[in-house]
PDB file of N, CA and C in Angstrom:
ATOM      1  N   UNK A   1      76.830  92.452 190.137  1.00  0.00           N
ATOM      2  CA  UNK A   1      78.380  91.701 190.001  1.00  0.00           C
ATOM      3  C   UNK A   1      79.182  93.005 190.529  1.00  0.00           C
ATOM      4  N   UNK A   2      80.186  91.835 191.740  1.00  0.00           N
ATOM      5  CA  UNK A   2      81.145  92.248 192.135  1.00  0.00           C
ATOM      6  C   UNK A   2      82.217  91.889 191.481  1.00  0.00           C
ATOM      7  N   UNK A   3      82.677  91.976 190.545  1.00  0.00           N
ATOM      8  CA  UNK A   3      83.691  91.653 189.322  1.00  0.00           C
ATOM      9  C   UNK A   3      84.088  93.211 188.696  1.00  0.00           C
ATOM     10  N   UNK A   4      83.338  94.006 188.838  1.00  0.00           N
ATOM     11  CA  UNK A   4      83.183  95.734 188.793  1.00  0.00           C
ATOM     12  C   UNK A   4      83.611  96.115 189.975  1.00  0.00           C
ATOM     13  N   UNK A   5      83.899  95.988 190.996  1.00  0.00           N
ATOM     14  CA  UNK A   5      84.175  96.478 192.136  1.00  0.00           C
ATOM     15  C   UNK A   5      85.339  95.661 192.912  1.00  0.00           C
ATOM     16  N   UNK A   6      85.719  95.105 191.895  1.00  0.00           N
ATOM     17  CA  UNK A   6      87.006  93.921 192.491  1.00  0.00           C
ATOM     18  C   UNK A   6      87.739  94.686 190.872  1.00  0.00           C
ATOM     19  N   UNK A   7      87.682  95.292 190.152  1.00  0.00           N
ATOM     20  CA  UNK A   7      88.228  95.632 188.941  1.00  0.00           C
ATOM     21  C   UNK A   7      88.676  97.616 189.140  1.00  0.00           C
ATOM     22  N   UNK A   8      87.387  97.476 189.961  1.00  0.00           N
ATOM     23  CA  UNK A   8      88.125  99.330 190.796  1.00  0.00           C
ATOM     24  C   UNK A   8      89.412  99.360 191.320  1.00  0.00           C
ATOM     25  N   UNK A   9      89.320  98.084 192.148  1.00  0.00           N
ATOM     26  CA  UNK A   9      90.146  98.032 193.202  1.00  0.00           C
ATOM     27  C   UNK A   9      91.489  97.810 192.318  1.00  0.00           C
ATOM     28  N   UNK A  10      91.888  96.273 191.270  1.00  0.00           N
ATOM     29  CA  UNK A  10      92.795  96.743 190.570  1.00  0.00           C
ATOM     30  C   UNK A  10      93.397  97.672 189.509  1.00  0.00           C
ATOM     31  N   UNK A  11      92.332  98.346 189.550  1.00  0.00           N
ATOM     32  CA  UNK A  11      92.771  99.980 188.595  1.00  0.00           C
ATOM     33  C   UNK A  11      93.000 100.830 189.982  1.00  0.00           C
ATOM     34  N   UNK A  12      92.713 100.787 190.767  1.00  0.00           N
ATOM     35  CA  UNK A  12      93.228 101.533 191.797  1.00  0.00           C
ATOM     36  C   UNK A  12      94.653 101.604 192.412  1.00  0.00           C
ATOM     37  N   UNK A  13      95.277 100.466 192.386  1.00  0.00           N
ATOM     38  CA  UNK A  13      96.326 100.231 192.359  1.00  0.00           C
ATOM     39  C   UNK A  13      97.338 100.216 191.302  1.00  0.00           C
ATOM     40  N   UNK A  14      96.515  99.477 190.782  1.00  0.00           N
ATOM     41  CA  UNK A  14      97.671 100.229 189.099  1.00  0.00           C
ATOM     42  C   UNK A  14      97.686 101.897 189.972  1.00  0.00           C
ATOM     43  N   UNK A  15      96.991 102.723 189.715  1.00  0.00           N
ATOM     44  CA  UNK A  15      96.914 103.701 189.293  1.00  0.00           C
ATOM     45  C   UNK A  15      98.042 104.778 190.510  1.00  0.00           C
ATOM     46  N   UNK A  16      97.755 104.190 191.952  1.00  0.00           N
ATOM     47  CA  UNK A  16      98.667 104.090 192.780  1.00  0.00           C
ATOM     48  C   UNK A  16     100.341 104.214 192.420  1.00  0.00           C
ATOM     49  N   UNK A  17     100.754 102.677 191.967  1.00  0.00           N
ATOM     50  CA  UNK A  17     101.678 102.324 191.359  1.00  0.00           C
ATOM     51  C   UNK A  17     101.988 103.328 190.298  1.00  0.00           C
ATOM     52  N   UNK A  18     101.423 103.924 189.707  1.00  0.00           N
ATOM     53  CA  UNK A  18     101.235 104.980 188.576  1.00  0.00           C
ATOM     54  C   UNK A  18     102.412 106.011 189.290  1.00  0.00           C
ATOM     55  N   UNK A  19     101.792 107.024 190.143  1.00  0.00           N
ATOM     56  CA  UNK A  19     101.782 107.663 190.755  1.00  0.00           C
ATOM     57  C   UNK A  19     103.727 107.713 191.686  1.00  0.00           C
ATOM     58  N   UNK A  20     103.821 106.818 192.079  1.00  0.00           N
ATOM     59  CA  UNK A  20     104.852 105.739 193.177  1.00  0.00           C
ATOM     60  C   UNK A  20     106.083 105.510 192.061  1.00  0.00           C
ATOM     61  N   UNK A  21     105.757 105.044 191.320  1.00  0.00           N
ATOM     62  CA  UNK A  21     107.028 104.763 189.489  1.00  0.00           C
ATOM     63  C   UNK A  21     107.255 105.315 188.112  1.00  0.00           C
ATOM     64  N   UNK A  22     105.713 106.450 188.404  1.00  0.00           N
ATOM     65  CA  UNK A  22     106.390 107.340 187.165  1.00  0.00           C
ATOM     66  C   UNK A  22     106.004 106.919 186.227  1.00  0.00           C
ATOM     67  N   UNK A  23     105.952 105.473 185.748  1.00  0.00           N
ATOM     68  CA  UNK A  23     105.497 105.264 184.624  1.00  0.00           C
ATOM     69  C   UNK A  23     103.554 105.935 183.528  1.00  0.00           C
ATOM     70  N   UNK A  24     103.900 105.930 182.932  1.00  0.00           N
ATOM     71  CA  UNK A  24     102.363 106.236 182.639  1.00  0.00           C
ATOM     72  C   UNK A  24     101.235 105.921 181.130  1.00  0.00           C
ATOM     73  N   UNK A  25     101.525 104.565 181.441  1.00  0.00           N
ATOM     74  CA  UNK A  25     100.850 104.204 180.144  1.00  0.00           C
ATOM     75  C   UNK A  25     100.905 102.097 180.502  1.00  0.00           C
ATOM     76  N   UNK A  26      99.807 101.534 180.776  1.00  0.00           N
ATOM     77  CA  UNK A  26     100.032  99.959 180.874  1.00  0.00           C
ATOM     78  C   UNK A  26      99.585  99.599 180.017  1.00  0.00           C
ATOM     79  N   UNK A  27     100.486  98.449 179.379  1.00  0.00           N
ATOM     80  CA  UNK A  27     100.465  98.210 177.902  1.00  0.00           C
ATOM     81  C   UNK A  27      99.510  96.277 178.488  1.00  0.00           C
ATOM     82  N   UNK A  28      99.994  95.662 179.706  1.00  0.00           N
ATOM     83  CA  UNK A  28      99.392  94.459 179.939  1.00  0.00           C
ATOM     84  C   UNK A  28      99.643  94.568 181.674  1.00  0.00           C
ATOM     85  N   UNK A  29      98.029  93.958 182.439  1.00  0.00           N
ATOM     86  CA  UNK A  29      98.099  92.787 183.176  1.00  0.00           C
ATOM     87  C   UNK A  29      97.582  91.647 183.228  1.00  0.00           C
ATOM     88  N   UNK A  30      98.661  91.391 184.004  1.00  0.00           N
ATOM     89  CA  UNK A  30      98.680  89.401 184.576  1.00  0.00           C
ATOM     90  C   UNK A  30      98.324  89.374 185.984  1.00  0.00           C
ATOM     91  N   UNK A  31      96.963  88.941 185.974  1.00  0.00           N
ATOM     92  CA  UNK A  31      96.188  89.229 187.663  1.00  0.00           C
ATOM     93  C   UNK A  31      95.798  87.897 187.814  1.00  0.00           C
ATOM     94  N   UNK A  32      96.490  87.025 188.763  1.00  0.00           N
ATOM     95  CA  UNK A  32      96.432  85.913 189.267  1.00  0.00           C
ATOM     96  C   UNK A  32      94.851  85.806 189.732  1.00  0.00           C
ATOM     97  N   UNK A  33      93.965  84.652 189.127  1.00  0.00           N
ATOM     98  CA  UNK A  33      92.657  85.162 190.260  1.00  0.00           C
ATOM     99  C   UNK A  33      92.417  83.516 190.795  1.00  0.00           C
ATOM    100  N   UNK A  34      92.090  83.129 191.379  1.00  0.00           N
ATOM    101  CA  UNK A  34      92.278  81.525 192.228  1.00  0.00           C
ATOM    102  C   UNK A  34      90.850  80.673 192.171  1.00  0.00           C
ATOM    103  N   UNK A  35      90.996  79.622 192.016  1.00  0.00           N
ATOM    104  CA  UNK A  35      89.837  79.029 191.706  1.00  0.00           C
ATOM    105  C   UNK A  35      88.594  78.933 192.611  1.00  0.00           C
ATOM    106  N   UNK A  36      88.766  79.087 193.839  1.00  0.00           N
ATOM    107  CA  UNK A  36      87.975  79.540 194.310  1.00  0.00           C
ATOM    108  C   UNK A  36      87.752  80.733 194.816  1.00  0.00           C
ATOM    109  N   UNK A  37      88.053  81.815 194.471  1.00  0.00           N
ATOM    110  CA  UNK A  37      87.855  83.296 194.383  1.00  0.00           C
ATOM    111  C   UNK A  37      86.474  83.415 194.385  1.00  0.00           C
ATOM    112  N   UNK A  38      86.105  83.209 193.775  1.00  0.00           N
ATOM    113  CA  UNK A  38      84.387  83.747 194.044  1.00  0.00           C
ATOM    114  C   UNK A  38      84.245  84.145 192.634  1.00  0.00           C
ATOM    115  N   UNK A  39      85.267  84.474 191.530  1.00  0.00           N
ATOM    116  CA  UNK A  39      85.781  85.486 190.502  1.00  0.00           C
ATOM    117  C   UNK A  39      85.070  85.005 189.302  1.00  0.00           C
ATOM    118  N   UNK A  40      83.517  85.893 188.553  1.00  0.00           N
ATOM    119  CA  UNK A  40      83.407  85.235 186.666  1.00  0.00           C
ATOM    120  C   UNK A  40      85.017  85.654 186.209  1.00  0.00           C
ATOM    121  N   UNK A  41      85.280  84.914 185.323  1.00  0.00           N
ATOM    122  CA  UNK A  41      86.106  85.292 185.131  1.00  0.00           C
ATOM    123  C   UNK A  41      85.893  86.103 183.935  1.00  0.00           C
ATOM    124  N   UNK A  42      84.974  85.873 183.013  1.00  0.00           N
ATOM    125  CA  UNK A  42      84.761  86.663 182.280  1.00  0.00           C
ATOM    126  C   UNK A  42      84.106  88.086 182.068  1.00  0.00           C
ATOM    127  N   UNK A  43      83.837  88.102 183.097  1.00  0.00           N
ATOM    128  CA  UNK A  43      82.880  89.353 183.891  1.00  0.00           C
ATOM    129  C   UNK A  43      83.833  90.376 184.722  1.00  0.00           C
ATOM    130  N   UNK A  44      84.844  89.451 184.742  1.00  0.00           N
ATOM    131  CA  UNK A  44      86.214  90.267 185.381  1.00  0.00           C
ATOM    132  C   UNK A  44      86.693  90.767 183.982  1.00  0.00           C
ATOM    133  N   UNK A  45      87.032  89.905 182.738  1.00  0.00           N
ATOM    134  CA  UNK A  45      87.773  91.444 181.810  1.00  0.00           C
ATOM    135  C   UNK A  45      86.690  91.718 181.119  1.00  0.00           C
ATOM    136  N   UNK A  46      85.042  91.502 181.617  1.00  0.00           N
ATOM    137  CA  UNK A  46      84.795  92.820 180.452  1.00  0.00           C
ATOM    138  C   UNK A  46      84.939  93.841 181.301  1.00  0.00           C
ATOM    139  N   UNK A  47      84.331  94.149 183.144  1.00  0.00           N
ATOM    140  CA  UNK A  47      84.298  94.847 183.937  1.00  0.00           C
ATOM    141  C   UNK A  47      85.848  95.555 183.902  1.00  0.00           C
ATOM    142  N   UNK A  48      87.219  95.199 183.581  1.00  0.00           N
ATOM    143  CA  UNK A  48      88.360  95.343 183.578  1.00  0.00           C
ATOM    144  C   UNK A  48      88.503  96.942 182.314  1.00  0.00           C
ATOM    145  N   UNK A  49      87.532  96.564 181.502  1.00  0.00           N
ATOM    146  CA  UNK A  49      87.830  96.800 180.371  1.00  0.00           C
ATOM    147  C   UNK A  49      86.813  98.618 180.433  1.00  0.00           C
ATOM    148  N   UNK A  50      85.869  98.214 181.062  1.00  0.00           N
ATOM    149  CA  UNK A  50      84.894  99.475 181.459  1.00  0.00           C
ATOM    150  C   UNK A  50      85.540 100.122 182.299  1.00  0.00           C
ATOM    151  N   UNK A  51      86.112  99.581 182.981  1.00  0.00           N
ATOM    152  CA  UNK A  51      86.853 100.687 184.323  1.00  0.00           C
ATOM    153  C   UNK A  51      88.062 100.789 183.958  1.00  0.00           C
ATOM    154  N   UNK A  52      88.540 100.841 183.141  1.00  0.00           N
ATOM    155  CA  UNK A  52      90.082 101.146 183.141  1.00  0.00           C
ATOM    156  C   UNK A  52      90.219 102.077 182.183  1.00  0.00           C
ATOM    157  N   UNK A  53      88.793 102.927 181.137  1.00  0.00           N
ATOM    158  CA  UNK A  53      88.467 103.842 180.402  1.00  0.00           C
ATOM    159  C   UNK A  53      89.304 105.009 181.410  1.00  0.00           C
ATOM    160  N   UNK A  54      89.730 105.565 180.288  1.00  0.00           N
ATOM    161  CA  UNK A  54      90.393 107.200 180.641  1.00  0.00           C
ATOM    162  C   UNK A  54      91.348 106.935 181.840  1.00  0.00           C
ATOM    163  N   UNK A  55      92.091 105.548 182.218  1.00  0.00           N
ATOM    164  CA  UNK A  55      92.771 105.408 182.851  1.00  0.00           C
ATOM    165  C   UNK A  55      94.300 105.450 182.232  1.00  0.00           C
ATOM    166  N   UNK A  56      95.201 105.109 183.303  1.00  0.00           N
ATOM    167  CA  UNK A  56      96.679 104.391 182.338  1.00  0.00           C
ATOM    168  C   UNK A  56      96.119 103.066 181.925  1.00  0.00           C
ATOM    169  N   UNK A  57      95.395 102.459 182.504  1.00  0.00           N
ATOM    170  CA  UNK A  57      95.368 101.173 181.653  1.00  0.00           C
ATOM    171  C   UNK A  57      93.961 101.159 180.502  1.00  0.00           C
ATOM    172  N   UNK A  58      93.671 102.181 180.471  1.00  0.00           N
ATOM    173  CA  UNK A  58      92.728 102.636 179.049  1.00  0.00           C
ATOM    174  C   UNK A  58      93.198 101.735 178.015  1.00  0.00           C
ATOM    175  N   UNK A  59      92.856 100.787 177.883  1.00  0.00           N
ATOM    176  CA  UNK A  59      92.853  99.935 176.508  1.00  0.00           C
ATOM    177  C   UNK A  59      94.469  98.830 176.913  1.00  0.00           C
ATOM    178  N   UNK A  60      94.488  98.486 178.004  1.00  0.00           N
ATOM    179  CA  UNK A  60      95.754  97.150 178.489  1.00  0.00           C
ATOM    180  C   UNK A  60      94.532  95.886 178.161  1.00  0.00           C
ATOM    181  N   UNK A  61      95.885  94.891 177.892  1.00  0.00           N
ATOM    182  CA  UNK A  61      95.319  93.726 177.606  1.00  0.00           C
ATOM    183  C   UNK A  61      95.390  93.381 179.121  1.00  0.00           C
ATOM    184  N   UNK A  62      94.189  92.531 179.476  1.00  0.00           N
ATOM    185  CA  UNK A  62      93.952  91.495 180.734  1.00  0.00           C
ATOM    186  C   UNK A  62      94.704  90.316 180.764  1.00  0.00           C
ATOM    187  N   UNK A  63      94.809  89.651 181.388  1.00  0.00           N
ATOM    188  CA  UNK A  63      96.052  88.074 180.871  1.00  0.00           C
ATOM    189  C   UNK A  63      95.520  87.458 182.518  1.00  0.00           C
ATOM    190  N   UNK A  64      94.606  86.936 182.185  1.00  0.00           N
ATOM    191  CA  UNK A  64      94.295  86.167 183.675  1.00  0.00           C
ATOM    192  C   UNK A  64      94.904  84.806 184.003  1.00  0.00           C
ATOM    193  N   UNK A  65      95.893  84.696 184.988  1.00  0.00           N
ATOM    194  CA  UNK A  65      96.022  83.736 185.263  1.00  0.00           C
ATOM    195  C   UNK A  65      95.407  82.860 185.971  1.00  0.00           C
ATOM    196  N   UNK A  66      94.453  81.556 185.987  1.00  0.00           N
ATOM    197  CA  UNK A  66      94.286  80.725 186.886  1.00  0.00           C
ATOM    198  C   UNK A  66      94.777  79.823 187.663  1.00  0.00           C
ATOM    199  N   UNK A  67      94.713  80.112 189.302  1.00  0.00           N
ATOM    200  CA  UNK A  67      95.277  79.134 190.420  1.00  0.00           C
ATOM    201  C   UNK A  67      94.626  78.043 190.864  1.00  0.00           C
ATOM    202  N   UNK A  68      94.625  76.555 190.864  1.00  0.00           N
ATOM    203  CA  UNK A  68      94.219  75.533 191.329  1.00  0.00           C
ATOM    204  C   UNK A  68      94.111  75.866 192.629  1.00  0.00           C
ATOM    205  N   UNK A  69      92.626  75.522 193.048  1.00  0.00           N
ATOM    206  CA  UNK A  69      92.511  75.161 194.282  1.00  0.00           C
ATOM    207  C   UNK A  69      93.015  74.296 195.016  1.00  0.00           C
ATOM    208  N   UNK A  70      94.320  74.175 195.988  1.00  0.00           N
ATOM    209  CA  UNK A  70      94.999  72.818 196.936  1.00  0.00           C
ATOM    210  C   UNK A  70      94.520  73.655 198.574  1.00  0.00           C
ATOM    211  N   UNK A  71      94.025  71.861 198.798  1.00  0.00           N
ATOM    212  CA  UNK A  71      93.974  72.318 200.093  1.00  0.00           C
ATOM    213  C   UNK A  71      94.911  70.953 201.546  1.00  0.00           C
ATOM    214  N   UNK A  72      94.430  71.193 201.970  1.00  0.00           N
ATOM    215  CA  UNK A  72      95.968  69.359 202.856  1.00  0.00           C
ATOM    216  C   UNK A  72      94.060  69.152 203.916  1.00  0.00           C
ATOM    217  N   UNK A  73      94.153  67.905 203.891  1.00  0.00           N
ATOM    218  CA  UNK A  73      93.450  66.942 204.674  1.00  0.00           C
ATOM    219  C   UNK A  73      94.540  67.039 206.170  1.00  0.00           C
ATOM    220  N   UNK A  74      93.621  67.148 207.699  1.00  0.00           N
ATOM    221  CA  UNK A  74      94.113  67.377 208.518  1.00  0.00           C
ATOM    222  C   UNK A  74      93.982  65.746 208.893  1.00  0.00           C
ATOM    223  N   UNK A  75      93.000  65.009 208.526  1.00  0.00           N
ATOM    224  CA  UNK A  75      92.709  63.191 208.656  1.00  0.00           C
ATOM    225  C   UNK A  75      93.742  62.763 207.521  1.00  0.00           C
ATOM    226  N   UNK A  76      94.256  62.729 206.803  1.00  0.00           N
ATOM    227  CA  UNK A  76      95.112  61.987 205.998  1.00  0.00           C
ATOM    228  C   UNK A  76      96.593  62.421 205.796  1.00  0.00           C
ATOM    229  N   UNK A  77      96.537  63.858 206.087  1.00  0.00           N
ATOM    230  CA  UNK A  77      97.847  64.458 205.709  1.00  0.00           C
ATOM    231  C   UNK A  77      98.013  64.807 204.275  1.00  0.00           C
ATOM    232  N   UNK A  78      96.590  64.352 203.325  1.00  0.00           N
ATOM    233  CA  UNK A  78      97.410  64.550 202.275  1.00  0.00           C
ATOM    234  C   UNK A  78      97.486  66.028 201.953  1.00  0.00           C
ATOM    235  N   UNK A  79      97.810  66.679 200.683  1.00  0.00           N
ATOM    236  CA  UNK A  79      97.625  67.482 200.022  1.00  0.00           C
ATOM    237  C   UNK A  79      96.721  67.255 198.695  1.00  0.00           C
ATOM    238  N   UNK A  80      95.776  67.683 198.065  1.00  0.00           N
ATOM    239  CA  UNK A  80      94.940  67.568 197.270  1.00  0.00           C
ATOM    240  C   UNK A  80      94.363  68.483 196.350  1.00  0.00           C
ATOM    241  N   UNK A  81      93.788  68.713 194.902  1.00  0.00           N
ATOM    242  CA  UNK A  81      92.775  69.572 194.379  1.00  0.00           C
ATOM    243  C   UNK A  81      91.798  69.406 194.760  1.00  0.00           C
ATOM    244  N   UNK A  82      91.420  70.743 195.157  1.00  0.00           N
ATOM    245  CA  UNK A  82      89.921  70.905 195.083  1.00  0.00           C
ATOM    246  C   UNK A  82      89.208  71.909 194.126  1.00  0.00           C
ATOM    247  N   UNK A  83      87.622  71.943 193.758  1.00  0.00           N
ATOM    248  CA  UNK A  83      87.146  72.361 193.006  1.00  0.00           C
ATOM    249  C   UNK A  83      86.191  73.571 193.747  1.00  0.00           C
ATOM    250  N   UNK A  84      86.522  73.478 194.603  1.00  0.00           N
ATOM    251  CA  UNK A  84      85.005  74.093 195.542  1.00  0.00           C
ATOM    252  C   UNK A  84      85.387  74.430 197.509  1.00  0.00           C
ATOM    253  N   UNK A  85      85.394  74.753 197.701  1.00  0.00           N
ATOM    254  CA  UNK A  85      85.259  75.703 199.288  1.00  0.00           C
ATOM    255  C   UNK A  85      85.540  74.644 200.183  1.00  0.00           C
ATOM    256  N   UNK A  86      83.993  73.774 199.926  1.00  0.00           N
ATOM    257  CA  UNK A  86      83.623  72.838 201.012  1.00  0.00           C
ATOM    258  C   UNK A  86      83.830  71.545 200.321  1.00  0.00           C
ATOM    259  N   UNK A  87      84.772  71.330 199.657  1.00  0.00           N
ATOM    260  CA  UNK A  87      84.667  69.804 198.916  1.00  0.00           C
ATOM    261  C   UNK A  87      85.411  68.669 200.589  1.00  0.00           C
ATOM    262  N   UNK A  88      84.870  67.976 199.969  1.00  0.00           N
ATOM    263  CA  UNK A  88      85.270  66.596 201.323  1.00  0.00           C
ATOM    264  C   UNK A  88      86.740  65.710 200.643  1.00  0.00           C
ATOM    265  N   UNK A  89      87.701  65.703 201.171  1.00  0.00           N
ATOM    266  CA  UNK A  89      89.003  65.197 200.414  1.00  0.00           C
ATOM    267  C   UNK A  89      88.578  63.959 200.151  1.00  0.00           C
ATOM    268  N   UNK A  90      89.550  63.616 198.848  1.00  0.00           N
ATOM    269  CA  UNK A  90      89.081  63.101 197.640  1.00  0.00           C
ATOM    270  C   UNK A  90      90.014  61.890 197.662  1.00  0.00           C
ATOM    271  N   UNK A  91      90.664  61.486 198.911  1.00  0.00           N
ATOM    272  CA  UNK A  91      91.305  60.291 199.339  1.00  0.00           C
ATOM    273  C   UNK A  91      91.095  59.506 200.074  1.00  0.00           C
ATOM    274  N   UNK A  92      90.747  60.595 201.294  1.00  0.00           N
ATOM    275  CA  UNK A  92      89.718  59.616 202.490  1.00  0.00           C
ATOM    276  C   UNK A  92      88.073  60.389 202.758  1.00  0.00           C
ATOM    277  N   UNK A  93      87.520  61.238 201.890  1.00  0.00           N
ATOM    278  CA  UNK A  93      86.096  61.661 202.518  1.00  0.00           C
ATOM    279  C   UNK A  93      85.958  62.474 203.562  1.00  0.00           C
ATOM    280  N   UNK A  94      87.210  62.736 204.375  1.00  0.00           N
ATOM    281  CA  UNK A  94      87.461  63.774 206.000  1.00  0.00           C
ATOM    282  C   UNK A  94      86.810  64.863 205.318  1.00  0.00           C
ATOM    283  N   UNK A  95      86.661  65.715 205.912  1.00  0.00           N
ATOM    284  CA  UNK A  95      85.809  67.364 206.321  1.00  0.00           C
ATOM    285  C   UNK A  95      85.591  68.006 207.226  1.00  0.00           C
ATOM    286  N   UNK A  96      86.220  68.754 206.815  1.00  0.00           N
ATOM    287  CA  UNK A  96      86.712  70.510 206.739  1.00  0.00           C
ATOM    288  C   UNK A  96      88.171  70.069 206.031  1.00  0.00           C
ATOM    289  N   UNK A  97      88.468  70.292 205.036  1.00  0.00           N
ATOM    290  CA  UNK A  97      89.941  70.907 204.243  1.00  0.00           C
ATOM    291  C   UNK A  97      90.346  72.009 204.912  1.00  0.00           C
ATOM    292  N   UNK A  98      92.058  72.212 204.424  1.00  0.00           N
ATOM    293  CA  UNK A  98      92.717  73.276 205.296  1.00  0.00           C
ATOM    294  C   UNK A  98      93.151  73.958 203.873  1.00  0.00           C
ATOM    295  N   UNK A  99      92.360  75.204 203.253  1.00  0.00           N
ATOM    296  CA  UNK A  99      92.801  75.360 202.101  1.00  0.00           C
ATOM    297  C   UNK A  99      94.434  76.117 202.106  1.00  0.00           C
ATOM    298  N   UNK A 100      94.729  75.606 201.296  1.00  0.00           N
ATOM    299  CA  UNK A 100      96.286  76.301 201.205  1.00  0.00           C
ATOM    300  C   UNK A 100      96.676  76.980 199.614  1.00  0.00           C
ATOM    301  N   UNK A 101      96.304  76.817 198.846  1.00  0.00           N
ATOM    302  CA  UNK A 101      95.814  78.061 197.256  1.00  0.00           C
ATOM    303  C   UNK A 101      94.481  77.923 196.640  1.00  0.00           C
ATOM    304  N   UNK A 102      93.769  79.180 195.922  1.00  0.00           N
ATOM    305  CA  UNK A 102      93.097  79.369 195.212  1.00  0.00           C
ATOM    306  C   UNK A 102      92.026  80.084 195.576  1.00  0.00           C
ATOM    307  N   UNK A 103      92.144  80.801 197.186  1.00  0.00           N
ATOM    308  CA  UNK A 103      91.488  81.933 197.299  1.00  0.00           C
ATOM    309  C   UNK A 103      91.875  83.557 197.034  1.00  0.00           C
ATOM    310  N   UNK A 104      93.035  83.518 196.285  1.00  0.00           N
ATOM    311  CA  UNK A 104      94.224  84.475 195.995  1.00  0.00           C
ATOM    312  C   UNK A 104      93.045  85.233 194.369  1.00  0.00           C
ATOM    313  N   UNK A 105      93.271  86.654 194.670  1.00  0.00           N
ATOM    314  CA  UNK A 105      93.688  87.588 194.064  1.00  0.00           C
ATOM    315  C   UNK A 105      94.299  88.593 193.684  1.00  0.00           C
ATOM    316  N   UNK A 106      95.053  88.549 193.154  1.00  0.00           N
ATOM    317  CA  UNK A 106      96.525  89.752 192.760  1.00  0.00           C
ATOM    318  C   UNK A 106      96.665  90.119 191.880  1.00  0.00           C
ATOM    319  N   UNK A 107      97.599  91.317 191.447  1.00  0.00           N
ATOM    320  CA  UNK A 107      97.942  91.480 190.312  1.00  0.00           C
ATOM    321  C   UNK A 107      99.048  91.235 190.177  1.00  0.00           C
ATOM    322  N   UNK A 108     100.158  90.701 189.326  1.00  0.00           N
ATOM    323  CA  UNK A 108     101.441  89.512 189.222  1.00  0.00           C
ATOM    324  C   UNK A 108     102.154  90.455 188.076  1.00  0.00           C
ATOM    325  N   UNK A 109     101.888  90.738 187.498  1.00  0.00           N
ATOM    326  CA  UNK A 109     102.790  91.963 187.025  1.00  0.00           C
ATOM    327  C   UNK A 109     101.999  92.809 185.981  1.00  0.00           C
ATOM    328  N   UNK A 110     102.816  93.965 186.083  1.00  0.00           N
ATOM    329  CA  UNK A 110     101.969  94.805 185.017  1.00  0.00           C
ATOM    330  C   UNK A 110     103.893  94.820 183.774  1.00  0.00           C
ATOM    331  N   UNK A 111     103.051  95.579 182.739  1.00  0.00           N
ATOM    332  CA  UNK A 111     103.992  95.815 181.860  1.00  0.00           C
ATOM    333  C   UNK A 111     103.493  97.561 181.220  1.00  0.00           C
ATOM    334  N   UNK A 112     104.308  98.182 181.829  1.00  0.00           N
ATOM    335  CA  UNK A 112     104.395  99.549 181.620  1.00  0.00           C
ATOM    336  C   UNK A 112     105.194 100.406 181.029  1.00  0.00           C
ATOM    337  N   UNK A 113     104.445 101.444 180.389  1.00  0.00           N
ATOM    338  CA  UNK A 113     105.796 102.472 179.533  1.00  0.00           C
ATOM    339  C   UNK A 113     106.276 103.332 179.998  1.00  0.00           C
TER     340      UNK A 113
END
């Protein structure tokens, strides 16, 4: 389950910011996860609670913002929504598409004390 190691990275980033900015507790973490990022959302929630234990994020609420997959078709020049990395263009059937969004995973906001 790679979500556990992803959560370890998220908590490490939070702890780095704790040292830089001086807050002592995180109550909410907003995490943007792209539909094409290969991340299982429920596994991420479970893993976050386990990894955050005994850190500044212990007990923090994890809010996940799902980012839709978007791609540009080099043939018909349309920007289209995709659900898988290797989808063909729904407009013209061309393949491959240039992925524009949906592969990212980032902390977008922290609520701290």
